[in-house]
C-alpha atoms as a PDB file:
ATOM      1  CA  ILE A   1     -37.104 -52.261 -55.319  1.00  0.00           C
ATOM      2  CA  LYS A   2     -39.950 -54.697 -54.785  1.00  0.00           C
ATOM      3  CA  ARG A   3     -37.696 -57.418 -56.071  1.00  0.00           C
ATOM      4  CA  ALA A   4     -34.889 -56.321 -53.700  1.00  0.00           C
ATOM      5  CA  ILE A   5     -37.341 -56.418 -50.827  1.00  0.00           C
ATOM      6  CA  THR A   6     -38.511 -59.802 -51.739  1.00  0.00           C
ATOM      7  CA  GLU A   7     -34.773 -61.081 -51.843  1.00  0.00           C
ATOM      8  CA  ILE A   8     -34.045 -59.410 -48.422  1.00  0.00           C
ATOM      9  CA  MET A   9     -37.144 -60.687 -46.735  1.00  0.00           C
ATOM     10  CA  GLN A  10     -36.108 -64.241 -47.968  1.00  0.00           C
ATOM     11  CA  ALA A  11     -32.447 -63.845 -46.922  1.00  0.00           C
ATOM     12  CA  LYS A  12     -30.868 -66.195 -44.189  1.00  0.00           C
ATOM     13  CA  LYS A  13     -27.366 -64.637 -44.435  1.00  0.00           C
ATOM     14  CA  PRO A  14     -27.664 -61.039 -45.770  1.00  0.00           C
ATOM     15  CA  VAL A  15     -24.906 -58.495 -45.892  1.00  0.00           C
ATOM     16  CA  ILE A  16     -25.098 -54.731 -46.731  1.00  0.00           C
ATOM     17  CA  TYR A  17     -21.929 -53.957 -48.813  1.00  0.00           C
ATOM     18  CA  ALA A  18     -21.444 -50.047 -49.085  1.00  0.00           C
ATOM     19  CA  GLY A  19     -18.988 -48.203 -51.155  1.00  0.00           C
ATOM     20  CA  GLY A  20     -17.970 -44.868 -52.174  1.00  0.00           C
ATOM     21  CA  GLY A  21     -21.315 -44.158 -53.887  1.00  0.00           C
ATOM     22  CA  ALA A  22     -22.970 -44.115 -50.634  1.00  0.00           C
ATOM     23  CA  ILE A  23     -20.478 -41.302 -49.463  1.00  0.00           C
ATOM     24  CA  ALA A  24     -20.804 -39.509 -52.857  1.00  0.00           C
ATOM     25  CA  SER A  25     -24.715 -39.476 -52.490  1.00  0.00           C
ATOM     26  CA  ASN A  26     -24.556 -38.436 -48.887  1.00  0.00           C
ATOM     27  CA  ALA A  27     -26.640 -41.716 -48.142  1.00  0.00           C
ATOM     28  CA  GLU A  28     -25.126 -42.365 -44.653  1.00  0.00           C
ATOM     29  CA  GLU A  29     -28.578 -41.696 -42.873  1.00  0.00           C
ATOM     30  CA  GLU A  30     -30.579 -43.697 -45.282  1.00  0.00           C
ATOM     31  CA  LEU A  31     -28.114 -46.587 -44.895  1.00  0.00           C
ATOM     32  CA  ILE A  32     -28.328 -46.312 -41.023  1.00  0.00           C
ATOM     33  CA  GLN A  33     -32.063 -46.105 -41.101  1.00  0.00           C
ATOM     34  CA  LEU A  34     -32.569 -48.996 -43.400  1.00  0.00           C
ATOM     35  CA  ASN A  35     -30.284 -51.107 -41.099  1.00  0.00           C
ATOM     36  CA  GLU A  36     -32.001 -50.022 -37.864  1.00  0.00           C
ATOM     37  CA  ILE A  37     -34.875 -52.260 -39.311  1.00  0.00           C
ATOM     38  CA  LEU A  38     -33.034 -54.969 -41.012  1.00  0.00           C
ATOM     39  CA  ASP A  39     -30.323 -55.468 -38.218  1.00  0.00           C
ATOM     40  CA  VAL A  40     -27.882 -57.242 -40.490  1.00  0.00           C
ATOM     41  CA  PRO A  41     -24.148 -57.228 -41.017  1.00  0.00           C
ATOM     42  CA  VAL A  42     -22.609 -54.109 -42.708  1.00  0.00           C
ATOM     43  CA  THR A  43     -19.255 -54.016 -44.530  1.00  0.00           C
ATOM     44  CA  ASN A  44     -17.619 -51.191 -46.527  1.00  0.00           C
ATOM     45  CA  THR A  45     -15.090 -50.718 -49.146  1.00  0.00           C
ATOM     46  CA  LEU A  46     -12.146 -48.445 -48.574  1.00  0.00           C
ATOM     47  CA  MET A  47     -13.926 -45.627 -50.441  1.00  0.00           C
ATOM     48  CA  GLY A  48     -17.171 -46.428 -48.420  1.00  0.00           C
ATOM     49  CA  LEU A  49     -15.531 -46.120 -44.923  1.00  0.00           C
ATOM     50  CA  GLY A  50     -17.750 -43.732 -42.943  1.00  0.00           C
ATOM     51  CA  ALA A  51     -20.903 -44.750 -44.758  1.00  0.00           C
ATOM     52  CA  TYR A  52     -21.882 -46.713 -41.747  1.00  0.00           C
ATOM     53  CA  PRO A  53     -20.613 -46.128 -38.153  1.00  0.00           C
ATOM     54  CA  GLY A  54     -17.541 -48.201 -37.460  1.00  0.00           C
ATOM     55  CA  SER A  55     -18.423 -48.156 -33.822  1.00  0.00           C
ATOM     56  CA  ASP A  56     -21.754 -49.914 -34.431  1.00  0.00           C
ATOM     57  CA  GLN A  57     -21.680 -53.656 -33.480  1.00  0.00           C
ATOM     58  CA  GLN A  58     -23.315 -54.777 -37.011  1.00  0.00           C
ATOM     59  CA  PHE A  59     -20.271 -53.192 -38.826  1.00  0.00           C
ATOM     60  CA  LEU A  60     -17.883 -55.864 -39.848  1.00  0.00           C
ATOM     61  CA  GLY A  61     -15.153 -53.724 -40.858  1.00  0.00           C
ATOM     62  CA  MET A  62     -13.627 -53.059 -44.314  1.00  0.00           C
ATOM     63  CA  LEU A  63     -13.714 -55.814 -47.063  1.00  0.00           C
ATOM     64  CA  GLY A  64     -11.234 -57.051 -49.296  1.00  0.00           C
ATOM     65  CA  MET A  65      -7.451 -57.686 -49.583  1.00  0.00           C
ATOM     66  CA  HIS A  66      -6.629 -55.336 -46.777  1.00  0.00           C
ATOM     67  CA  GLY A  67      -9.934 -55.819 -44.832  1.00  0.00           C
ATOM     68  CA  PHE A  68     -11.357 -57.783 -41.946  1.00  0.00           C
ATOM     69  CA  TYR A  69     -11.597 -61.638 -41.820  1.00  0.00           C
ATOM     70  CA  GLU A  70     -15.108 -61.665 -40.557  1.00  0.00           C
ATOM     71  CA  ALA A  71     -16.023 -59.137 -43.290  1.00  0.00           C
ATOM     72  CA  ASN A  72     -14.481 -61.170 -45.990  1.00  0.00           C
ATOM     73  CA  MET A  73     -15.934 -64.493 -44.680  1.00  0.00           C
ATOM     74  CA  ALA A  74     -19.623 -62.894 -44.293  1.00  0.00           C
ATOM     75  CA  MET A  75     -19.456 -61.836 -47.760  1.00  0.00           C
ATOM     76  CA  HIS A  76     -18.312 -65.081 -49.101  1.00  0.00           C
ATOM     77  CA  HIS A  77     -21.034 -67.045 -47.155  1.00  0.00           C
ATOM     78  CA  ALA A  78     -23.791 -64.589 -47.734  1.00  0.00           C
ATOM     79  CA  ASP A  79     -26.984 -65.586 -49.609  1.00  0.00           C
ATOM     80  CA  VAL A  80     -28.126 -61.950 -50.322  1.00  0.00           C
ATOM     81  CA  ILE A  81     -25.878 -59.056 -50.749  1.00  0.00           C
ATOM     82  CA  LEU A  82     -27.242 -55.308 -50.818  1.00  0.00           C
ATOM     83  CA  ALA A  83     -24.426 -53.676 -52.771  1.00  0.00           C
ATOM     84  CA  VAL A  84     -24.799 -49.967 -52.387  1.00  0.00           C
ATOM     85  CA  GLY A  85     -22.788 -47.751 -54.607  1.00  0.00           C
ATOM     86  CA  VAL A  86     -19.766 -50.240 -55.060  1.00  0.00           C
ATOM     87  CA  ARG A  87     -17.725 -50.874 -58.072  1.00  0.00           C
ATOM     88  CA  PHE A  88     -16.752 -54.508 -57.253  1.00  0.00           C
ATOM     89  CA  ASP A  89     -12.971 -53.601 -57.197  1.00  0.00           C
ATOM     90  CA  ASP A  90     -10.513 -56.525 -57.699  1.00  0.00           C
ATOM     91  CA  ARG A  91      -9.259 -55.752 -54.190  1.00  0.00           C
ATOM     92  CA  VAL A  92     -12.537 -57.038 -53.075  1.00  0.00           C
ATOM     93  CA  THR A  93     -13.556 -59.598 -55.561  1.00  0.00           C
ATOM     94  CA  ASN A  94     -10.225 -61.201 -56.322  1.00  0.00           C
ATOM     95  CA  THR A  95     -11.007 -64.135 -58.731  1.00  0.00           C
ATOM     96  CA  VAL A  96     -14.670 -62.942 -59.843  1.00  0.00           C
ATOM     97  CA  SER A  97     -15.660 -66.440 -60.646  1.00  0.00           C
ATOM     98  CA  LYS A  98     -15.290 -67.371 -57.093  1.00  0.00           C
ATOM     99  CA  PHE A  99     -16.885 -64.200 -55.583  1.00  0.00           C
ATOM    100  CA  CYS A 100     -19.790 -64.726 -53.251  1.00  0.00           C
ATOM    101  CA  PRO A 101     -20.802 -68.099 -55.035  1.00  0.00           C
ATOM    102  CA  GLY A 102     -24.108 -68.554 -53.169  1.00  0.00           C
ATOM    103  CA  ALA A 103     -25.308 -64.897 -52.979  1.00  0.00           C
ATOM    104  CA  LYS A 104     -28.023 -63.260 -54.907  1.00  0.00           C
ATOM    105  CA  ILE A 105     -26.719 -59.603 -55.616  1.00  0.00           C
ATOM    106  CA  ILE A 106     -28.720 -56.409 -55.468  1.00  0.00           C
ATOM    107  CA  HIS A 107     -26.708 -53.616 -56.936  1.00  0.00           C
ATOM    108  CA  ILE A 108     -27.687 -49.947 -56.503  1.00  0.00           C
ATOM    109  CA  ASP A 109     -25.589 -47.428 -58.452  1.00  0.00           C
ATOM    110  CA  ILE A 110     -26.207 -44.221 -60.080  1.00  0.00           C
ATOM    111  CA  ASP A 111     -24.189 -45.282 -63.005  1.00  0.00           C
ATOM    112  CA  PRO A 112     -25.989 -47.942 -65.372  1.00  0.00           C
ATOM    113  CA  ALA A 113     -22.722 -48.861 -66.929  1.00  0.00           C
ATOM    114  CA  SER A 114     -21.412 -50.079 -63.677  1.00  0.00           C
ATOM    115  CA  ILE A 115     -24.255 -52.428 -62.760  1.00  0.00           C
ATOM    116  CA  ALA A 116     -23.028 -56.032 -63.717  1.00  0.00           C
ATOM    117  CA  LYS A 117     -19.910 -54.534 -65.317  1.00  0.00           C
ATOM    118  CA  ILE A 118     -17.523 -56.833 -63.099  1.00  0.00           C
ATOM    119  CA  VAL A 119     -19.908 -59.166 -61.391  1.00  0.00           C
ATOM    120  CA  PRO A 120     -23.278 -60.713 -62.427  1.00  0.00           C
ATOM    121  CA  VAL A 121     -26.109 -59.095 -60.694  1.00  0.00           C
ATOM    122  CA  ASP A 122     -29.595 -60.594 -59.855  1.00  0.00           C
ATOM    123  CA  VAL A 123     -31.506 -57.239 -59.070  1.00  0.00           C
ATOM    124  CA  PRO A 124     -30.107 -54.072 -60.747  1.00  0.00           C
ATOM    125  CA  ILE A 125     -31.299 -50.673 -59.412  1.00  0.00           C
ATOM    126  CA  VAL A 126     -30.060 -47.733 -61.147  1.00  0.00           C
ATOM    127  CA  GLY A 127     -30.374 -44.236 -59.474  1.00  0.00           C
ATOM    128  CA  PRO A 128     -28.978 -42.032 -56.818  1.00  0.00           C
ATOM    129  CA  VAL A 129     -28.153 -44.200 -53.647  1.00  0.00           C
ATOM    130  CA  ASP A 130     -29.792 -41.796 -51.200  1.00  0.00           C
ATOM    131  CA  THR A 131     -32.938 -41.938 -53.115  1.00  0.00           C
ATOM    132  CA  ILE A 132     -33.109 -45.450 -53.626  1.00  0.00           C
ATOM    133  CA  LEU A 133     -32.114 -46.263 -50.073  1.00  0.00           C
ATOM    134  CA  ALA A 134     -34.828 -43.847 -48.757  1.00  0.00           C
ATOM    135  CA  GLU A 135     -37.452 -45.591 -50.930  1.00  0.00           C
ATOM    136  CA  LEU A 136     -36.167 -48.995 -49.655  1.00  0.00           C
ATOM    137  CA  ASP A 137     -36.378 -47.691 -46.031  1.00  0.00           C
ATOM    138  CA  LYS A 138     -40.112 -46.588 -47.026  1.00  0.00           C
ATOM    139  CA  GLN A 139     -41.143 -49.864 -48.543  1.00  0.00           C
ATOM    140  CA  VAL A 140     -39.813 -52.091 -45.836  1.00  0.00           C
ATOM    141  CA  VAL A 141     -41.360 -50.113 -43.177  1.00  0.00           C
ATOM    142  CA  LEU A 142     -44.634 -50.509 -45.126  1.00  0.00           C
ATOM    143  CA  GLN A 143     -44.012 -54.349 -45.401  1.00  0.00           C
ATOM    144  CA  THR A 144     -43.330 -54.680 -41.718  1.00  0.00           C
ATOM    145  CA  GLU A 145     -45.954 -52.413 -40.209  1.00  0.00           C
ATOM    146  CA  GLY A 146     -48.727 -54.399 -38.460  1.00  0.00           C
ATOM    147  CA  SER A 147     -46.984 -57.648 -39.217  1.00  0.00           C
ATOM    148  CA  ASP A 148     -45.075 -60.142 -36.991  1.00  0.00           C
ATOM    149  CA  ARG A 149     -42.512 -60.739 -39.742  1.00  0.00           C
ATOM    150  CA  ALA A 150     -39.122 -59.218 -39.079  1.00  0.00           C
ATOM    151  CA  LEU A 151     -36.687 -58.692 -42.021  1.00  0.00           C
ATOM    152  CA  PRO A 152     -35.146 -61.161 -42.460  1.00  0.00           C
ATOM    153  CA  ASP A 153     -36.373 -64.191 -40.416  1.00  0.00           C
ATOM    154  CA  PRO A 154     -34.899 -63.429 -36.872  1.00  0.00           C
ATOM    155  CA  ASP A 155     -33.931 -67.097 -36.106  1.00  0.00           C
ATOM    156  CA  SER A 156     -32.000 -67.363 -39.328  1.00  0.00           C
ATOM    157  CA  LEU A 157     -30.336 -63.998 -38.575  1.00  0.00           C
ATOM    158  CA  ASN A 158     -29.566 -65.076 -35.003  1.00  0.00           C
ATOM    159  CA  GLU A 159     -27.812 -68.101 -36.490  1.00  0.00           C
ATOM    160  CA  TRP A 160     -25.906 -65.883 -38.985  1.00  0.00           C
ATOM    161  CA  TRP A 161     -24.713 -63.452 -36.320  1.00  0.00           C
ATOM    162  CA  THR A 162     -23.556 -66.583 -34.303  1.00  0.00           C
ATOM    163  CA  GLN A 163     -21.350 -67.539 -37.186  1.00  0.00           C
ATOM    164  CA  ILE A 164     -20.115 -64.129 -37.817  1.00  0.00           C
ATOM    165  CA  ASN A 165     -19.220 -63.729 -34.034  1.00  0.00           C
ATOM    166  CA  SER A 166     -17.313 -66.889 -34.111  1.00  0.00           C
ATOM    167  CA  TRP A 167     -15.164 -65.458 -36.973  1.00  0.00           C
ATOM    168  CA  ARG A 168     -14.759 -62.307 -34.865  1.00  0.00           C
ATOM    169  CA  GLU A 169     -13.552 -64.377 -31.855  1.00  0.00           C
ATOM    170  CA  ALA A 170     -11.097 -66.540 -33.820  1.00  0.00           C
ATOM    171  CA  HIS A 171      -9.470 -63.514 -35.711  1.00  0.00           C
END
């Protein structure tokens, strides 16, 4: 979890990628709380739809073959991906060797056999998604309390949102 927070703190183009594991773990509240602090783009798999409010401005829509352009572009150009209860389905990854080439991947999953099964992972975290997200929430709050430091860097995040919004407008 500490390694994950370090990666998130250093991110310039982060994305939260939530799947069916977030739904199965009833981790919607923890996911929303975490992103209230981080303020980063969120995308879902088909099985993860509903894990994050579709009406929220930070929601990019569904990812993958049948997903939204801005969600796919954000994932492809991300530097850190927080993968929450996902299996990296082929309808999301397509050609695995070309999937998110510049991103460090933090993968949270209850099933250790799913971690790095399809896509190489930089920070594996095995456990119930709701419990892990609650601990991430707690640790991020501790990291930011009494600090001027936002997670991630607000200027970089602003540039990232500008890019994402240009994809939204174009498509």
